[in-house]
């Protein structure tokens, strides 16, 4: 008798979302009536005061994307961006002097004061 094994594999998501970020993303999805087929796009683009800036927003899957589920959130990421984002944590800060998404990226060799751009 042949041994059949389940050939599904688990792909570890390259990023982490804190509970605060997940809560804020869910609130944005509700407020903006974003359809379920949209996922959270996380990526990078050239520009910003340090060389790269982060992409964060809801989008439809595109060719060249990897799809991950992070704590119940569907995350879309262009395969080429993973090298810049591996191990990154996205948090939501709601303080007196700062409010918004915060990117804690271990791959950044330097970041700027605004916290939304970095050098690799």
PDB file of N, CA and C in Angstrom:
ATOM      1  N   UNK A   1       0.834  -1.178   0.000  1.00  0.00           N
ATOM      2  CA  UNK A   1       0.000   0.000   0.000  1.00  0.00           C
ATOM      3  C   UNK A   1       0.888   1.254   0.000  1.00  0.00           C
ATOM      4  N   UNK A   2       0.580   2.194  -0.851  1.00  0.00           N
ATOM      5  CA  UNK A   2       1.382   3.406  -0.990  1.00  0.00           C
ATOM      6  C   UNK A   2       1.021   4.418   0.099  1.00  0.00           C
ATOM      7  N   UNK A   3       2.038   5.037   0.657  1.00  0.00           N
ATOM      8  CA  UNK A   3       1.836   6.038   1.685  1.00  0.00           C
ATOM      9  C   UNK A   3       1.598   7.385   1.004  1.00  0.00           C
ATOM     10  N   UNK A   4       0.413   7.915   1.153  1.00  0.00           N
ATOM     11  CA  UNK A   4       0.116   9.224   0.568  1.00  0.00           C
ATOM     12  C   UNK A   4       0.211  10.266   1.659  1.00  0.00           C
ATOM     13  N   UNK A   5       0.917  11.312   1.366  1.00  0.00           N
ATOM     14  CA  UNK A   5       1.073  12.403   2.321  1.00  0.00           C
ATOM     15  C   UNK A   5       0.393  13.645   1.789  1.00  0.00           C
ATOM     16  N   UNK A   6      -0.038  14.430   2.697  1.00  0.00           N
ATOM     17  CA  UNK A   6      -0.637  15.708   2.313  1.00  0.00           C
ATOM     18  C   UNK A   6       0.461  16.582   1.729  1.00  0.00           C
ATOM     19  N   UNK A   7       0.278  17.042   0.503  1.00  0.00           N
ATOM     20  CA  UNK A   7       1.318  17.807  -0.175  1.00  0.00           C
ATOM     21  C   UNK A   7       1.145  19.310  -0.025  1.00  0.00           C
ATOM     22  N   UNK A   8       0.280  19.714   0.878  1.00  0.00           N
ATOM     23  CA  UNK A   8       0.151  21.144   1.106  1.00  0.00           C
ATOM     24  C   UNK A   8       1.306  21.606   1.967  1.00  0.00           C
ATOM     25  N   UNK A   9       1.741  22.822   1.748  1.00  0.00           N
ATOM     26  CA  UNK A   9       2.832  23.361   2.545  1.00  0.00           C
ATOM     27  C   UNK A   9       2.391  24.680   3.163  1.00  0.00           C
ATOM     28  N   UNK A  10       2.958  24.969   4.291  1.00  0.00           N
ATOM     29  CA  UNK A  10       2.659  26.214   4.971  1.00  0.00           C
ATOM     30  C   UNK A  10       3.765  27.205   4.666  1.00  0.00           C
ATOM     31  N   UNK A  11       3.395  28.348   4.157  1.00  0.00           N
ATOM     32  CA  UNK A  11       4.355  29.395   3.862  1.00  0.00           C
ATOM     33  C   UNK A  11       4.322  30.387   5.023  1.00  0.00           C
ATOM     34  N   UNK A  12       5.467  30.624   5.593  1.00  0.00           N
ATOM     35  CA  UNK A  12       5.554  31.562   6.701  1.00  0.00           C
ATOM     36  C   UNK A  12       5.512  32.981   6.147  1.00  0.00           C
ATOM     37  N   UNK A  13       4.644  33.791   6.703  1.00  0.00           N
ATOM     38  CA  UNK A  13       4.518  35.171   6.253  1.00  0.00           C
ATOM     39  C   UNK A  13       5.784  35.941   6.595  1.00  0.00           C
ATOM     40  N   UNK A  14       6.262  36.766   5.683  1.00  0.00           N
ATOM     41  CA  UNK A  14       7.502  37.503   5.917  1.00  0.00           C
ATOM     42  C   UNK A  14       7.352  38.684   6.872  1.00  0.00           C
ATOM     43  N   UNK A  15       6.118  39.067   7.179  1.00  0.00           N
ATOM     44  CA  UNK A  15       5.903  40.217   8.064  1.00  0.00           C
ATOM     45  C   UNK A  15       5.018  39.817   9.238  1.00  0.00           C
ATOM     46  N   UNK A  16       4.979  40.697  10.230  1.00  0.00           N
ATOM     47  CA  UNK A  16       4.098  40.519  11.385  1.00  0.00           C
ATOM     48  C   UNK A  16       3.224  41.756  11.513  1.00  0.00           C
ATOM     49  N   UNK A  17       2.005  41.547  11.975  1.00  0.00           N
ATOM     50  CA  UNK A  17       1.085  42.641  12.268  1.00  0.00           C
ATOM     51  C   UNK A  17       0.760  42.592  13.751  1.00  0.00           C
ATOM     52  N   UNK A  18       0.907  43.705  14.445  1.00  0.00           N
ATOM     53  CA  UNK A  18       0.570  43.738  15.861  1.00  0.00           C
ATOM     54  C   UNK A  18      -0.950  43.783  16.021  1.00  0.00           C
ATOM     55  N   UNK A  19      -1.442  43.456  17.214  1.00  0.00           N
ATOM     56  CA  UNK A  19      -2.892  43.562  17.440  1.00  0.00           C
ATOM     57  C   UNK A  19      -3.438  44.958  17.152  1.00  0.00           C
ATOM     58  N   UNK A  20      -2.681  46.000  17.488  1.00  0.00           N
ATOM     59  CA  UNK A  20      -3.122  47.367  17.202  1.00  0.00           C
ATOM     60  C   UNK A  20      -3.260  47.632  15.713  1.00  0.00           C
ATOM     61  N   UNK A  21      -2.316  47.111  14.916  1.00  0.00           N
ATOM     62  CA  UNK A  21      -2.376  47.282  13.455  1.00  0.00           C
ATOM     63  C   UNK A  21      -3.568  46.518  12.885  1.00  0.00           C
ATOM     64  N   UNK A  22      -3.794  45.298  13.368  1.00  0.00           N
ATOM     65  CA  UNK A  22      -4.919  44.491  12.881  1.00  0.00           C
ATOM     66  C   UNK A  22      -6.236  45.182  13.181  1.00  0.00           C
ATOM     67  N   UNK A  23      -6.363  45.720  14.374  1.00  0.00           N
ATOM     68  CA  UNK A  23      -7.590  46.430  14.767  1.00  0.00           C
ATOM     69  C   UNK A  23      -7.819  47.656  13.882  1.00  0.00           C
ATOM     70  N   UNK A  24      -6.769  48.427  13.633  1.00  0.00           N
ATOM     71  CA  UNK A  24      -6.900  49.630  12.805  1.00  0.00           C
ATOM     72  C   UNK A  24      -7.218  49.264  11.354  1.00  0.00           C
ATOM     73  N   UNK A  25      -6.586  48.219  10.838  1.00  0.00           N
ATOM     74  CA  UNK A  25      -6.862  47.780   9.467  1.00  0.00           C
ATOM     75  C   UNK A  25      -8.311  47.330   9.315  1.00  0.00           C
ATOM     76  N   UNK A  26      -8.830  46.623  10.320  1.00  0.00           N
ATOM     77  CA  UNK A  26     -10.233  46.188  10.287  1.00  0.00           C
ATOM     78  C   UNK A  26     -11.168  47.402  10.307  1.00  0.00           C
ATOM     79  N   UNK A  27     -10.821  48.407  11.099  1.00  0.00           N
ATOM     80  CA  UNK A  27     -11.640  49.626  11.154  1.00  0.00           C
ATOM     81  C   UNK A  27     -11.627  50.350   9.807  1.00  0.00           C
ATOM     82  N   UNK A  28     -10.479  50.440   9.173  1.00  0.00           N
ATOM     83  CA  UNK A  28     -10.378  51.086   7.857  1.00  0.00           C
ATOM     84  C   UNK A  28     -11.196  50.314   6.831  1.00  0.00           C
ATOM     85  N   UNK A  29     -11.092  48.987   6.867  1.00  0.00           N
ATOM     86  CA  UNK A  29     -11.847  48.152   5.924  1.00  0.00           C
ATOM     87  C   UNK A  29     -13.346  48.404   6.072  1.00  0.00           C
ATOM     88  N   UNK A  30     -13.830  48.494   7.319  1.00  0.00           N
ATOM     89  CA  UNK A  30     -15.257  48.751   7.568  1.00  0.00           C
ATOM     90  C   UNK A  30     -15.646  50.156   7.118  1.00  0.00           C
ATOM     91  N   UNK A  31     -14.873  51.165   7.511  1.00  0.00           N
ATOM     92  CA  UNK A  31     -15.201  52.561   7.204  1.00  0.00           C
ATOM     93  C   UNK A  31     -15.213  52.830   5.707  1.00  0.00           C
ATOM     94  N   UNK A  32     -14.295  52.216   4.987  1.00  0.00           N
ATOM     95  CA  UNK A  32     -14.170  52.455   3.548  1.00  0.00           C
ATOM     96  C   UNK A  32     -14.940  51.440   2.704  1.00  0.00           C
ATOM     97  N   UNK A  33     -15.642  50.492   3.355  1.00  0.00           N
ATOM     98  CA  UNK A  33     -16.393  49.441   2.655  1.00  0.00           C
ATOM     99  C   UNK A  33     -15.530  48.712   1.622  1.00  0.00           C
ATOM    100  N   UNK A  34     -14.352  48.282   2.046  1.00  0.00           N
ATOM    101  CA  UNK A  34     -13.423  47.599   1.143  1.00  0.00           C
ATOM    102  C   UNK A  34     -13.877  46.154   0.969  1.00  0.00           C
ATOM    103  N   UNK A  35     -14.091  45.702  -0.275  1.00  0.00           N
ATOM    104  CA  UNK A  35     -14.575  44.340  -0.531  1.00  0.00           C
ATOM    105  C   UNK A  35     -13.604  43.264  -0.032  1.00  0.00           C
ATOM    106  N   UNK A  36     -14.152  42.104   0.287  1.00  0.00           N
ATOM    107  CA  UNK A  36     -13.373  40.988   0.823  1.00  0.00           C
ATOM    108  C   UNK A  36     -12.285  40.492  -0.120  1.00  0.00           C
ATOM    109  N   UNK A  37     -12.479  40.648  -1.428  1.00  0.00           N
ATOM    110  CA  UNK A  37     -11.471  40.144  -2.369  1.00  0.00           C
ATOM    111  C   UNK A  37     -10.185  40.980  -2.363  1.00  0.00           C
ATOM    112  N   UNK A  38     -10.234  42.137  -1.737  1.00  0.00           N
ATOM    113  CA  UNK A  38      -9.048  42.982  -1.601  1.00  0.00           C
ATOM    114  C   UNK A  38      -8.213  42.486  -0.421  1.00  0.00           C
ATOM    115  N   UNK A  39      -6.901  42.530  -0.601  1.00  0.00           N
ATOM    116  CA  UNK A  39      -5.985  42.201   0.477  1.00  0.00           C
ATOM    117  C   UNK A  39      -5.174  43.430   0.836  1.00  0.00           C
ATOM    118  N   UNK A  40      -4.419  43.299   1.899  1.00  0.00           N
ATOM    119  CA  UNK A  40      -3.548  44.380   2.331  1.00  0.00           C
ATOM    120  C   UNK A  40      -2.236  44.283   1.562  1.00  0.00           C
ATOM    121  N   UNK A  41      -1.962  45.273   0.721  1.00  0.00           N
ATOM    122  CA  UNK A  41      -0.708  45.290  -0.031  1.00  0.00           C
ATOM    123  C   UNK A  41       0.373  45.937   0.828  1.00  0.00           C
ATOM    124  N   UNK A  42       1.462  45.176   1.014  1.00  0.00           N
ATOM    125  CA  UNK A  42       2.630  45.665   1.732  1.00  0.00           C
ATOM    126  C   UNK A  42       3.787  45.587   0.756  1.00  0.00           C
ATOM    127  N   UNK A  43       4.514  46.681   0.609  1.00  0.00           N
ATOM    128  CA  UNK A  43       5.619  46.684  -0.331  1.00  0.00           C
ATOM    129  C   UNK A  43       6.523  47.878  -0.137  1.00  0.00           C
ATOM    130  N   UNK A  44       7.403  48.067  -1.091  1.00  0.00           N
ATOM    131  CA  UNK A  44       8.323  49.196  -1.084  1.00  0.00           C
ATOM    132  C   UNK A  44       8.316  49.844  -2.464  1.00  0.00           C
ATOM    133  N   UNK A  45       8.722  51.096  -2.496  1.00  0.00           N
ATOM    134  CA  UNK A  45       8.924  51.791  -3.767  1.00  0.00           C
ATOM    135  C   UNK A  45      10.103  52.723  -3.584  1.00  0.00           C
ATOM    136  N   UNK A  46      10.741  53.035  -4.683  1.00  0.00           N
ATOM    137  CA  UNK A  46      11.855  53.967  -4.630  1.00  0.00           C
ATOM    138  C   UNK A  46      11.359  55.349  -4.290  1.00  0.00           C
ATOM    139  N   UNK A  47      12.138  56.064  -3.496  1.00  0.00           N
ATOM    140  CA  UNK A  47      11.767  57.422  -3.130  1.00  0.00           C
ATOM    141  C   UNK A  47      11.806  57.610  -1.633  1.00  0.00           C
ATOM    142  N   UNK A  48      11.365  58.728  -1.190  1.00  0.00           N
ATOM    143  CA  UNK A  48      11.428  59.040   0.227  1.00  0.00           C
ATOM    144  C   UNK A  48      12.795  59.625   0.552  1.00  0.00           C
ATOM    145  N   UNK A  49      12.933  60.170   1.725  1.00  0.00           N
ATOM    146  CA  UNK A  49      14.171  60.863   2.075  1.00  0.00           C
ATOM    147  C   UNK A  49      15.332  59.905   2.340  1.00  0.00           C
ATOM    148  N   UNK A  50      15.069  58.603   2.481  1.00  0.00           N
ATOM    149  CA  UNK A  50      16.158  57.653   2.744  1.00  0.00           C
ATOM    150  C   UNK A  50      16.389  56.655   1.614  1.00  0.00           C
ATOM    151  N   UNK A  51      15.639  56.728   0.528  1.00  0.00           N
ATOM    152  CA  UNK A  51      15.869  55.840  -0.607  1.00  0.00           C
ATOM    153  C   UNK A  51      14.673  54.987  -0.980  1.00  0.00           C
ATOM    154  N   UNK A  52      13.983  54.410   0.012  1.00  0.00           N
ATOM    155  CA  UNK A  52      12.787  53.603  -0.213  1.00  0.00           C
ATOM    156  C   UNK A  52      11.682  54.114   0.695  1.00  0.00           C
ATOM    157  N   UNK A  53      10.453  53.969   0.245  1.00  0.00           N
ATOM    158  CA  UNK A  53       9.329  54.238   1.130  1.00  0.00           C
ATOM    159  C   UNK A  53       8.391  53.037   1.086  1.00  0.00           C
ATOM    160  N   UNK A  54       7.588  52.909   2.120  1.00  0.00           N
ATOM    161  CA  UNK A  54       6.706  51.757   2.257  1.00  0.00           C
ATOM    162  C   UNK A  54       5.400  51.967   1.502  1.00  0.00           C
ATOM    163  N   UNK A  55       4.856  50.863   1.017  1.00  0.00           N
ATOM    164  CA  UNK A  55       3.524  50.826   0.417  1.00  0.00           C
ATOM    165  C   UNK A  55       2.634  50.071   1.396  1.00  0.00           C
ATOM    166  N   UNK A  56       1.499  50.644   1.742  1.00  0.00           N
ATOM    167  CA  UNK A  56       0.544  49.992   2.626  1.00  0.00           C
ATOM    168  C   UNK A  56      -0.842  50.445   2.216  1.00  0.00           C
ATOM    169  N   UNK A  57      -1.649  49.525   1.740  1.00  0.00           N
ATOM    170  CA  UNK A  57      -3.001  49.865   1.320  1.00  0.00           C
ATOM    171  C   UNK A  57      -3.726  48.639   0.816  1.00  0.00           C
ATOM    172  N   UNK A  58      -5.020  48.747   0.640  1.00  0.00           N
ATOM    173  CA  UNK A  58      -5.816  47.627   0.168  1.00  0.00           C
ATOM    174  C   UNK A  58      -5.808  47.593  -1.355  1.00  0.00           C
ATOM    175  N   UNK A  59      -5.691  46.381  -1.908  1.00  0.00           N
ATOM    176  CA  UNK A  59      -5.527  46.225  -3.349  1.00  0.00           C
ATOM    177  C   UNK A  59      -5.998  44.825  -3.749  1.00  0.00           C
ATOM    178  N   UNK A  60      -6.221  44.654  -5.031  1.00  0.00           N
ATOM    179  CA  UNK A  60      -6.518  43.327  -5.587  1.00  0.00           C
ATOM    180  C   UNK A  60      -5.209  42.601  -5.890  1.00  0.00           C
ATOM    181  N   UNK A  61      -5.200  41.279  -5.815  1.00  0.00           N
ATOM    182  CA  UNK A  61      -3.983  40.530  -6.171  1.00  0.00           C
ATOM    183  C   UNK A  61      -3.570  40.822  -7.608  1.00  0.00           C
ATOM    184  N   UNK A  62      -2.255  40.891  -7.831  1.00  0.00           N
ATOM    185  CA  UNK A  62      -1.700  41.144  -9.154  1.00  0.00           C
ATOM    186  C   UNK A  62      -0.701  40.055  -9.504  1.00  0.00           C
ATOM    187  N   UNK A  63      -0.364  39.970 -10.789  1.00  0.00           N
ATOM    188  CA  UNK A  63       0.637  39.018 -11.224  1.00  0.00           C
ATOM    189  C   UNK A  63       1.963  39.320 -10.530  1.00  0.00           C
ATOM    190  N   UNK A  64       2.626  38.290 -10.054  1.00  0.00           N
ATOM    191  CA  UNK A  64       3.897  38.463  -9.355  1.00  0.00           C
ATOM    192  C   UNK A  64       3.747  38.618  -7.855  1.00  0.00           C
ATOM    193  N   UNK A  65       2.510  38.525  -7.352  1.00  0.00           N
ATOM    194  CA  UNK A  65       2.271  38.650  -5.911  1.00  0.00           C
ATOM    195  C   UNK A  65       2.373  37.300  -5.214  1.00  0.00           C
ATOM    196  N   UNK A  66       2.822  37.329  -3.982  1.00  0.00           N
ATOM    197  CA  UNK A  66       2.664  36.226  -3.054  1.00  0.00           C
ATOM    198  C   UNK A  66       1.510  36.601  -2.145  1.00  0.00           C
ATOM    199  N   UNK A  67       0.757  35.603  -1.715  1.00  0.00           N
ATOM    200  CA  UNK A  67      -0.384  35.817  -0.836  1.00  0.00           C
ATOM    201  C   UNK A  67      -0.103  35.119   0.481  1.00  0.00           C
ATOM    202  N   UNK A  68      -0.276  35.849   1.581  1.00  0.00           N
ATOM    203  CA  UNK A  68      -0.065  35.309   2.919  1.00  0.00           C
ATOM    204  C   UNK A  68      -1.286  35.634   3.768  1.00  0.00           C
ATOM    205  N   UNK A  69      -1.479  34.857   4.808  1.00  0.00           N
ATOM    206  CA  UNK A  69      -2.475  35.218   5.803  1.00  0.00           C
ATOM    207  C   UNK A  69      -1.733  35.486   7.100  1.00  0.00           C
ATOM    208  N   UNK A  70      -1.900  36.688   7.628  1.00  0.00           N
ATOM    209  CA  UNK A  70      -1.222  37.100   8.854  1.00  0.00           C
ATOM    210  C   UNK A  70      -2.305  37.452   9.871  1.00  0.00           C
ATOM    211  N   UNK A  71      -2.478  36.603  10.851  1.00  0.00           N
ATOM    212  CA  UNK A  71      -3.477  36.815  11.900  1.00  0.00           C
ATOM    213  C   UNK A  71      -4.856  37.144  11.323  1.00  0.00           C
ATOM    214  N   UNK A  72      -5.257  36.406  10.304  1.00  0.00           N
ATOM    215  CA  UNK A  72      -6.570  36.593   9.705  1.00  0.00           C
ATOM    216  C   UNK A  72      -6.637  37.686   8.649  1.00  0.00           C
ATOM    217  N   UNK A  73      -5.538  38.370   8.386  1.00  0.00           N
ATOM    218  CA  UNK A  73      -5.495  39.434   7.370  1.00  0.00           C
ATOM    219  C   UNK A  73      -4.825  38.877   6.123  1.00  0.00           C
ATOM    220  N   UNK A  74      -5.516  39.003   4.978  1.00  0.00           N
ATOM    221  CA  UNK A  74      -4.928  38.589   3.705  1.00  0.00           C
ATOM    222  C   UNK A  74      -3.918  39.650   3.285  1.00  0.00           C
ATOM    223  N   UNK A  75      -2.646  39.229   3.152  1.00  0.00           N
ATOM    224  CA  UNK A  75      -1.560  40.154   2.819  1.00  0.00           C
ATOM    225  C   UNK A  75      -1.022  39.831   1.438  1.00  0.00           C
ATOM    226  N   UNK A  76      -0.907  40.845   0.595  1.00  0.00           N
ATOM    227  CA  UNK A  76      -0.352  40.727  -0.749  1.00  0.00           C
ATOM    228  C   UNK A  76       1.020  41.381  -0.773  1.00  0.00           C
ATOM    229  N   UNK A  77       1.974  40.700  -1.408  1.00  0.00           N
ATOM    230  CA  UNK A  77       3.309  41.268  -1.504  1.00  0.00           C
ATOM    231  C   UNK A  77       3.949  40.830  -2.816  1.00  0.00           C
ATOM    232  N   UNK A  78       4.473  41.789  -3.556  1.00  0.00           N
ATOM    233  CA  UNK A  78       5.223  41.460  -4.754  1.00  0.00           C
ATOM    234  C   UNK A  78       6.443  40.646  -4.344  1.00  0.00           C
ATOM    235  N   UNK A  79       6.693  39.556  -5.057  1.00  0.00           N
ATOM    236  CA  UNK A  79       7.798  38.651  -4.697  1.00  0.00           C
ATOM    237  C   UNK A  79       9.133  39.378  -4.580  1.00  0.00           C
ATOM    238  N   UNK A  80       9.359  40.373  -5.403  1.00  0.00           N
ATOM    239  CA  UNK A  80      10.630  41.091  -5.404  1.00  0.00           C
ATOM    240  C   UNK A  80      10.819  41.962  -4.162  1.00  0.00           C
ATOM    241  N   UNK A  81       9.743  42.248  -3.429  1.00  0.00           N
ATOM    242  CA  UNK A  81       9.832  43.133  -2.276  1.00  0.00           C
ATOM    243  C   UNK A  81      10.204  42.388  -0.996  1.00  0.00           C
ATOM    244  N   UNK A  82      10.082  41.067  -0.996  1.00  0.00           N
ATOM    245  CA  UNK A  82      10.288  40.287   0.230  1.00  0.00           C
ATOM    246  C   UNK A  82      11.677  40.498   0.831  1.00  0.00           C
ATOM    247  N   UNK A  83      12.688  40.649   0.007  1.00  0.00           N
ATOM    248  CA  UNK A  83      14.050  40.821   0.517  1.00  0.00           C
ATOM    249  C   UNK A  83      14.167  42.068   1.396  1.00  0.00           C
ATOM    250  N   UNK A  84      13.366  43.089   1.119  1.00  0.00           N
ATOM    251  CA  UNK A  84      13.410  44.333   1.886  1.00  0.00           C
ATOM    252  C   UNK A  84      12.518  44.287   3.135  1.00  0.00           C
ATOM    253  N   UNK A  85      11.568  43.344   3.147  1.00  0.00           N
ATOM    254  CA  UNK A  85      10.547  43.357   4.185  1.00  0.00           C
ATOM    255  C   UNK A  85      10.587  42.159   5.129  1.00  0.00           C
ATOM    256  N   UNK A  86      11.426  41.180   4.870  1.00  0.00           N
ATOM    257  CA  UNK A  86      11.473  39.957   5.666  1.00  0.00           C
ATOM    258  C   UNK A  86      11.728  40.281   7.140  1.00  0.00           C
ATOM    259  N   UNK A  87      10.810  39.855   7.993  1.00  0.00           N
ATOM    260  CA  UNK A  87      10.949  40.073   9.427  1.00  0.00           C
ATOM    261  C   UNK A  87      10.369  41.381   9.934  1.00  0.00           C
ATOM    262  N   UNK A  88       9.794  42.188   9.048  1.00  0.00           N
ATOM    263  CA  UNK A  88       9.258  43.489   9.445  1.00  0.00           C
ATOM    264  C   UNK A  88       7.985  43.329  10.269  1.00  0.00           C
ATOM    265  N   UNK A  89       7.822  44.229  11.228  1.00  0.00           N
ATOM    266  CA  UNK A  89       6.608  44.284  12.036  1.00  0.00           C
ATOM    267  C   UNK A  89       5.916  45.608  11.756  1.00  0.00           C
ATOM    268  N   UNK A  90       4.610  45.528  11.509  1.00  0.00           N
ATOM    269  CA  UNK A  90       3.809  46.729  11.304  1.00  0.00           C
ATOM    270  C   UNK A  90       2.936  46.914  12.538  1.00  0.00           C
ATOM    271  N   UNK A  91       3.020  48.091  13.122  1.00  0.00           N
ATOM    272  CA  UNK A  91       2.274  48.420  14.333  1.00  0.00           C
ATOM    273  C   UNK A  91       1.433  49.663  14.052  1.00  0.00           C
ATOM    274  N   UNK A  92       0.471  49.925  14.921  1.00  0.00           N
ATOM    275  CA  UNK A  92      -0.280  51.179  14.832  1.00  0.00           C
ATOM    276  C   UNK A  92      -0.075  51.922  16.136  1.00  0.00           C
ATOM    277  N   UNK A  93       0.391  53.158  16.018  1.00  0.00           N
ATOM    278  CA  UNK A  93       0.691  53.995  17.177  1.00  0.00           C
ATOM    279  C   UNK A  93      -0.397  55.058  17.282  1.00  0.00           C
ATOM    280  N   UNK A  94      -0.900  55.245  18.487  1.00  0.00           N
ATOM    281  CA  UNK A  94      -1.924  56.259  18.703  1.00  0.00           C
ATOM    282  C   UNK A  94      -1.545  57.059  19.945  1.00  0.00           C
ATOM    283  N   UNK A  95      -0.508  57.887  19.807  1.00  0.00           N
ATOM    284  CA  UNK A  95      -0.010  58.675  20.929  1.00  0.00           C
ATOM    285  C   UNK A  95      -0.310  60.150  20.750  1.00  0.00           C
ATOM    286  N   UNK A  96       0.107  60.917  21.726  1.00  0.00           N
ATOM    287  CA  UNK A  96      -0.126  62.365  21.668  1.00  0.00           C
ATOM    288  C   UNK A  96       0.659  63.043  20.560  1.00  0.00           C
ATOM    289  N   UNK A  97       1.893  62.577  20.324  1.00  0.00           N
ATOM    290  CA  UNK A  97       2.739  63.229  19.328  1.00  0.00           C
ATOM    291  C   UNK A  97       2.865  62.453  18.021  1.00  0.00           C
ATOM    292  N   UNK A  98       2.269  61.277  17.964  1.00  0.00           N
ATOM    293  CA  UNK A  98       2.400  60.456  16.765  1.00  0.00           C
ATOM    294  C   UNK A  98       1.202  59.528  16.641  1.00  0.00           C
ATOM    295  N   UNK A  99       0.590  59.496  15.461  1.00  0.00           N
ATOM    296  CA  UNK A  99      -0.532  58.599  15.217  1.00  0.00           C
ATOM    297  C   UNK A  99      -0.393  58.056  13.810  1.00  0.00           C
ATOM    298  N   UNK A 100      -0.384  56.740  13.693  1.00  0.00           N
ATOM    299  CA  UNK A 100      -0.306  56.129  12.380  1.00  0.00           C
ATOM    300  C   UNK A 100       0.405  54.800  12.424  1.00  0.00           C
ATOM    301  N   UNK A 101       0.603  54.216  11.259  1.00  0.00           N
ATOM    302  CA  UNK A 101       1.271  52.930  11.153  1.00  0.00           C
ATOM    303  C   UNK A 101       2.776  53.131  11.314  1.00  0.00           C
ATOM    304  N   UNK A 102       3.388  52.224  12.054  1.00  0.00           N
ATOM    305  CA  UNK A 102       4.822  52.273  12.311  1.00  0.00           C
ATOM    306  C   UNK A 102       5.444  51.001  11.752  1.00  0.00           C
ATOM    307  N   UNK A 103       6.536  51.150  11.033  1.00  0.00           N
ATOM    308  CA  UNK A 103       7.229  50.036  10.393  1.00  0.00           C
ATOM    309  C   UNK A 103       8.524  49.755  11.141  1.00  0.00           C
ATOM    310  N   UNK A 104       8.615  48.585  11.757  1.00  0.00           N
ATOM    311  CA  UNK A 104       9.826  48.161  12.448  1.00  0.00           C
ATOM    312  C   UNK A 104      10.520  47.144  11.545  1.00  0.00           C
ATOM    313  N   UNK A 105      11.502  47.623  10.771  1.00  0.00           N
ATOM    314  CA  UNK A 105      12.126  46.815   9.728  1.00  0.00           C
ATOM    315  C   UNK A 105      13.577  46.490  10.087  1.00  0.00           C
ATOM    316  N   UNK A 106      13.881  45.207  10.365  1.00  0.00           N
ATOM    317  CA  UNK A 106      15.255  44.837  10.706  1.00  0.00           C
ATOM    318  C   UNK A 106      16.219  44.928   9.526  1.00  0.00           C
ATOM    319  N   UNK A 107      15.707  45.064   8.308  1.00  0.00           N
ATOM    320  CA  UNK A 107      16.537  45.143   7.109  1.00  0.00           C
ATOM    321  C   UNK A 107      16.975  46.564   6.779  1.00  0.00           C
ATOM    322  N   UNK A 108      16.414  47.531   7.461  1.00  0.00           N
ATOM    323  CA  UNK A 108      16.734  48.941   7.178  1.00  0.00           C
ATOM    324  C   UNK A 108      18.067  49.296   7.818  1.00  0.00           C
ATOM    325  N   UNK A 109      18.997  49.777   7.007  1.00  0.00           N
ATOM    326  CA  UNK A 109      20.282  50.215   7.550  1.00  0.00           C
ATOM    327  C   UNK A 109      20.149  51.592   8.191  1.00  0.00           C
ATOM    328  N   UNK A 110      19.169  52.364   7.751  1.00  0.00           N
ATOM    329  CA  UNK A 110      18.857  53.651   8.376  1.00  0.00           C
ATOM    330  C   UNK A 110      17.427  54.017   8.015  1.00  0.00           C
ATOM    331  N   UNK A 111      16.838  54.844   8.853  1.00  0.00           N
ATOM    332  CA  UNK A 111      15.472  55.324   8.604  1.00  0.00           C
ATOM    333  C   UNK A 111      15.476  56.835   8.748  1.00  0.00           C
ATOM    334  N   UNK A 112      14.403  57.452   8.271  1.00  0.00           N
ATOM    335  CA  UNK A 112      14.315  58.902   8.386  1.00  0.00           C
ATOM    336  C   UNK A 112      13.435  59.265   9.574  1.00  0.00           C
ATOM    337  N   UNK A 113      13.361  60.523   9.869  1.00  0.00           N
ATOM    338  CA  UNK A 113      12.576  60.990  10.994  1.00  0.00           C
ATOM    339  C   UNK A 113      11.081  60.749  10.855  1.00  0.00           C
ATOM    340  N   UNK A 114      10.591  60.704   9.615  1.00  0.00           N
ATOM    341  CA  UNK A 114       9.154  60.505   9.420  1.00  0.00           C
ATOM    342  C   UNK A 114       8.754  59.055   9.644  1.00  0.00           C
ATOM    343  N   UNK A 115       9.706  58.116   9.597  1.00  0.00           N
ATOM    344  CA  UNK A 115       9.421  56.714   9.853  1.00  0.00           C
ATOM    345  C   UNK A 115       8.800  55.963   8.697  1.00  0.00           C
ATOM    346  N   UNK A 116       8.620  56.619   7.557  1.00  0.00           N
ATOM    347  CA  UNK A 116       8.010  55.940   6.421  1.00  0.00           C
ATOM    348  C   UNK A 116       8.972  55.705   5.275  1.00  0.00           C
ATOM    349  N   UNK A 117      10.243  56.059   5.439  1.00  0.00           N
ATOM    350  CA  UNK A 117      11.229  55.729   4.414  1.00  0.00           C
ATOM    351  C   UNK A 117      12.472  55.164   5.088  1.00  0.00           C
ATOM    352  N   UNK A 118      13.248  54.408   4.300  1.00  0.00           N
ATOM    353  CA  UNK A 118      14.402  53.729   4.863  1.00  0.00           C
ATOM    354  C   UNK A 118      15.449  53.481   3.786  1.00  0.00           C
ATOM    355  N   UNK A 119      16.647  53.161   4.211  1.00  0.00           N
ATOM    356  CA  UNK A 119      17.727  52.739   3.309  1.00  0.00           C
ATOM    357  C   UNK A 119      18.015  51.284   3.614  1.00  0.00           C
ATOM    358  N   UNK A 120      18.349  50.541   2.570  1.00  0.00           N
ATOM    359  CA  UNK A 120      18.652  49.111   2.754  1.00  0.00           C
ATOM    360  C   UNK A 120      20.119  48.845   2.495  1.00  0.00           C
TER     361      UNK A 120
END
